[in-house]
Every structure is written in structure tokens, then in C-alpha cells.
Amino acid sequence: MKVTKSKNVNIPSTKEVDVKKVSKNKSKPKFRGTPDMNPSVKAIKKKKRGLKLSQTINKPLLNKSIEINCTATKYTKFIKNFLEPNDVKMVGDYNEIECLDDFLDEAECSMNESKNDVASKPININKCINFLEENSFDNDDDDEEEEDENVIDNDDDKSFDEQEIVIKGGNRTITGNYETWAITNGRVIRLDMSSIIYFHGLMEIEVVYGAIEIFCKRLDKLSPATKAFSPRGSCFLDISNRNENDEIVHRDFVNKLIKAGLERSTADRLRSTLKQGMALIICKKIKNKWVSFLNDYNEHYVFPKEVSIRDYVDNEWNYFKINDDWKLITESFNENSKVMLCGGKGVGKSTILRVLINKLLAEHQKILVLDLDPGQPEFTVPGCVSATIVQTPLIGPNYTHLQKPERCIFVPYIDIGINSIAFLKCVQELLKVSADLKLPTFINLMGMTDGLGINLLSSIIAEVQPTQVVQIYSDHRPKNFKEDLTIDCVKRNRILLTPENSNELSFNYLKIKSVCTDLNNGDLMPRNIRELCILSYFSQMMPNHCNHLTERDVKIYRSDLSEVKIIHDGKECNPMTVNATLVGLCSVANEEHKIYNCHGWGIVRGISKELNIITLLAPLDETEMEAVDHLILGSVVLPPALYLKQDNRIEGLIPYVYKGALSIISKPPKRHIGTKKSD
């Protein structure tokens, strides 16, 4: 379609309404739960006088050790190991302890709760405070004003920030496995031989000495700085020391440390203490428009403000684990391989896919991924199947590494059981590109195990003709297929949906156990992950100085309505049907079967029937937009915050959004991550 590019403008409303302005109460109470409080109950906790632990402490509070009795089950985790500096560790629920008075009062109150389960330990407050000061990244946001009132979910809130207080200040932290030094916006970390540390948050990692492995991707001093993502809702990632060579330490790495913000004297001392087998890395927090955009428009707190590093993870948390059987896949992988990953929802198909790609990129420069899961795709916005060439490591959930595919086919329904035949036609169309590319391939599939799941999967296997089928099974039987996906099973079950398919089948069958557990780090629902993918996609078009999609500097496209066809449910529809919705920007791929190439996604900003013009927001260039001749409304919807969170400078009423007197109640609630499992 022919488009004209311009800056964003306000869309005038069709009806003017005078409303009275409602003054906002700026002194909102901040709701905070306590360990003993039902999470569904909102309570205002009155702050006591005293020094907050979140402040930098310049002088000792007490010069003597005091003895506090506390219950072993509830408070021992908080105060244990403070007698010996070498054994200092911080675990437990610290978010409720806002000042020293709170700590003393909480521990004192616990003395009378359980006389049979009491552990008495003398605690040196100075050692406690010093440790807390040192064991964190510097927080640049500590001095910002408090956040608005939080809405507490009905489920038990289990966010990582409530398990560990991060204190501003402190330049050096020493534990048994690693040592860190504070730098500008991050840390320098020295790992001892064969040591492992875990982290939670977002950071960019650069190796300056030795070698490490993260998410099965080996990085050394020749590797570029790599971004790693361990947000809420995903497992904690680990950084392992993999330095096996005796290296000569060159002067240039000292210059890197100084450039990162380490003092020259400290860098020289650090260089002199390095030993054979150690590794040295620079870790910096990631702060960019992408992070702020997802934080602003997502209904959950997904990205922590701080990066937390520790040398252990409690058993109650989910952390990255490796299955030795994965080697059976990588050892037989070659240029002609087509490996299909099968299994139910939540067995770890996506995790295994990322791990295998990270390992095999060392041997293969390019790997093709056929993504046949329209509900939880790996590289695109939900609502399509795609073929994507991967050349960089994947260290994080899907919304952290979206990229443009080689080809993308629009799928009207992410619930493929609604029209399985139409979905198979889309797969057949996509397979044409894989035949031309001739690259080693992985096939990512949906986790549909019940109903027609095994019949649909068997038909896909018959069409794709993989060289290896990997079936991932879980101890939780409802997540598994009722049969092993052997050649005989596939031949028997493909007949229902594709009786005409007579392709010869020849593949190696491998069955491996899932390493996923029922533990979660605040798991996100499938809908939340889809929303994050949509937000991540549209963040590409945001200028650095803009915070809202409706701002004037965000580019928009206008086109005559006669240039495009508006499609819904396979038929042309009234253009107003797609106003303020997410649409696929498509062109015809197969007229007979109504299959469409998807060039990208757009938001219909407005439609003017008088001018016969449609206005779109899309992160595509003009050449790509000119190939679009169909706008298709599918089953994926925009995140609610894109409607409810608007630029305050917009005046008047906005279609579909309350503005004015009711704007105060139209704000999207911000929630902590719940603990519901993905369905």
C-alpha cells in the first residue's frame, strides 16, 4: 500500500464533553504486606523512626554485640552466620524490615511465639550492617520518589526483591567463591577456579581474563560484550568459571578495568592477585528505552531495579539445570540435521532450544529455527509461524531476543485446534523457505498433548520430515503425550488430518526427561508473555526521549483505505472493526487457501471515514510498508496498558479510553508476579 510517513498527532474525538478536573491526592499511602499477613489484605504499615537500611550508613549504630532470641523457622535465616565474617550470607524475607528498630522489634516479638523452636544467637549489628552495605550493585534509583500504591495479588507473592535487601554503597564484597569491586553502573567480578555464581536481573557481561559459561554459551576475552537476562518469571541463570588454560595477563585488560570505572591502583592490585584458573568479568546493568518501555506498559514488575548476585540459590527457587542427555542431540548434530523438539506445556522445550543453539553456534555460524508455536513463538509477535536464522546467543526469555524472520506466515487463531487443517496449510507454505535455505534446523512446536494434539503433531512430523524427534517427558503425566512418538505412532496418527500424505518417514527417536520443576520464580501466565512480546516489538519504534506511543515524535503511517483490504475471520469487514487494535501487516501468499505473508505488526491509530484514511503505528520502514496490501485482525490483542496509559499532554477524549474525570480509575493496576503456573 502507498503510505506517507509523518509524526504522531492527536486524534480528535467525535464528541466533546466538558468534565471537571479531579485533584489527585499526591500523598498516597504505600501498602505493604507482612510475612504473617494474608496477601489479599491491604494494610498500611506505619514507619518507625530510625535509620532505613536502604540508606548509606556512615557510622556504627551500636558498639557492642547484643543477644536476640528468634524462632528458627522464621527469623534464623535473617540473622544466622553473622558471628563469623567469612560465613556471612543473606537469605530470607528482608523487605518488611525497613529500619533497625523494625528488625529489633520483629525479632523481640518472635521470642514469645514458639518456646520449643527457639535459637539464641549473639548478633554483631556492625557486621550485619557492613555486609549489607557491600553486597549489592549501586542503586541509582534509591533517591527517586516512592512508587504509587501497589495492588497485592490474591496469590502468595514470592518476588525476589522480598527475599533480599539490596543496600546502596560498599565497594568490595568477598565470599568463598568470588570477589567483586564496584564500578560505574556495575561490578567487576573475579571468579575462583571452578566456581559458580547465580544472578537475577539484566546485565551486560564482558570477559577480560579467562573464560566463563552462561546458559551453555562459552565466553572468553575475544567474545563481544553479551547481554544476559534473568527477569522474574524465568529461572535464575548461573555464571561458571571455564578457564582451563594458563594465560599470560596483558596490560590491555587493566586498561579495560580503568575504562569501566575501577581505580588504577585497584586494577593493578587485582592484576597482581590473578592466578591460573581464575576468570575476571565486567558486569554492567542494562538501562535503555526497551527496559523502561516494558516496565511502564507491563502490568507486572518483571525487571528488578537491582542485579542480585549470590553463590547459592535456595531450594525453593527455580534455577537453570542441565540434563546430560542433551549431549546426545549436540553430538549427532550436523549441517543436514532437522531436530524437532516435542513435549507438553511447561516441560522446557524453549529452554532446551536456546541451550542447544548456544552450544552449537560455536560450530555452526547460522542455525535455522522453524517456529511452529503461534501462541508462544520464540522470535516474533504471537499469531504466526516463522522461519528465523539465528547467529547470536539466546540468553533470556523470548521477548528479550525478538528478530526479523526470513519468512513469516499469519495464523488467524493461536488456538490451532479451532482450525487444524488451515494451520497445516500454513506450515506447508512455510516449509518452502527451509528447502531453499539448506541450513541445520531446529523445529519448535506447541505443547498441545490432548485432543487432536498427537494427530496434529504426527501430521507436522510427516510434512517436515525431521532427522531426529526429541520427546521431552515430565513426571507430571498430564503434560505428556499418551504415546511415544515413534515412526509407527506417527504413521498411525497422521491419517486423521492428512490422509493424502504418503511421505516416507525415517528419523531417530530420542526420549529425554524434563528438568523443569514445580518451583517457580513468580511464573508468568501465557497471556503475560504474549503481552511482553508485543511491547518488546513496538519498543523498537520509540525515540529515546519519548515515553508514549501517542507522542508526536513517534512516526506514523497514513494510507488511503482503498489501498488495503481489512480482513477478519477470512472475510473483508468494516474498517471501523480494526480501529485501535493490533493487526497483521500482510500480503497474499496463497490465494486459494487464503494464506498470507506477515511482514510485521501494526496498531491502528485511527480511521477517518470522511477523509477515507487509515493511520498506523508500525516499526517498519517505508519499503516494507509498500508491500502490505492486507490488514488482518487475528486473535492476539493489545496489552491493556496501551489503552489505559496515555500521554498526559493529550487533551480531550480518546476513543475507547476514559479521559478526564474518570482517568484516575482507568489507570492499569501494577501487580507483583503471582505464583500461578502456566497453563
Foldseek 3Di string as FASTA:
>chain_A
DAWDKAFFDDDDDPDFDDFDFDDDDPPAAAWDDDPPDQLQDTDGDDDDDADFLQADDDDDPDDDWDKFKAFCVACCQQFPPQVDLQRDDAWHFDPVPGHPVSVRVVRNVRCPVDVPGMDMDTHDVVSVSLQLQAQFAAFPCPPPDDDHYARGDNFDFQAPCRTHPHYHHHAWDDYPAWIWGYFVQFIKIKGAAFAKKWKAFKKWKAWLQFWKAKLQAIHHNVDDTHIAHHWAQHAIIMITGDGDDFDDRDPVSLVVVVVRGDDSVVSVVVVVPDDRRMTIMIIHHDDALLVLLLCQQAQANTGDSTMGMGRDDDPLGGHDDDDPCLVVVLVPFDFQAEEEEAWAPPLQLVSSVLSSCSNCLVPPQKEKEFELQQLQGQAAQRFKTFIAIDRDHDRDGRLVHHDFGPFIWGHQASPCVVPLLLSVVRLLLRVVVVVVVSGHYYYYHHRDADDLVLLSVLLSCLRNQGQEYEYEDEPPHVGGHPDFPDPVSSVVRPCVRCVVRDRDHHHHYHYDYGPDDLRGNLHDASLSSSQSNVSSQLSLQDDRVDNACSDRRRMKMKDALVQAFEDEPRDGDDPVVQAQWKWFQWDADDPVSRMTIGLHIWGFPDADPVVRMTMIHTPDDSVSNVRGHYTYDHDRTHRLSNQLPDDPPDDTDDPPYDDRPCSVVSHNRRYYRRSDDYD
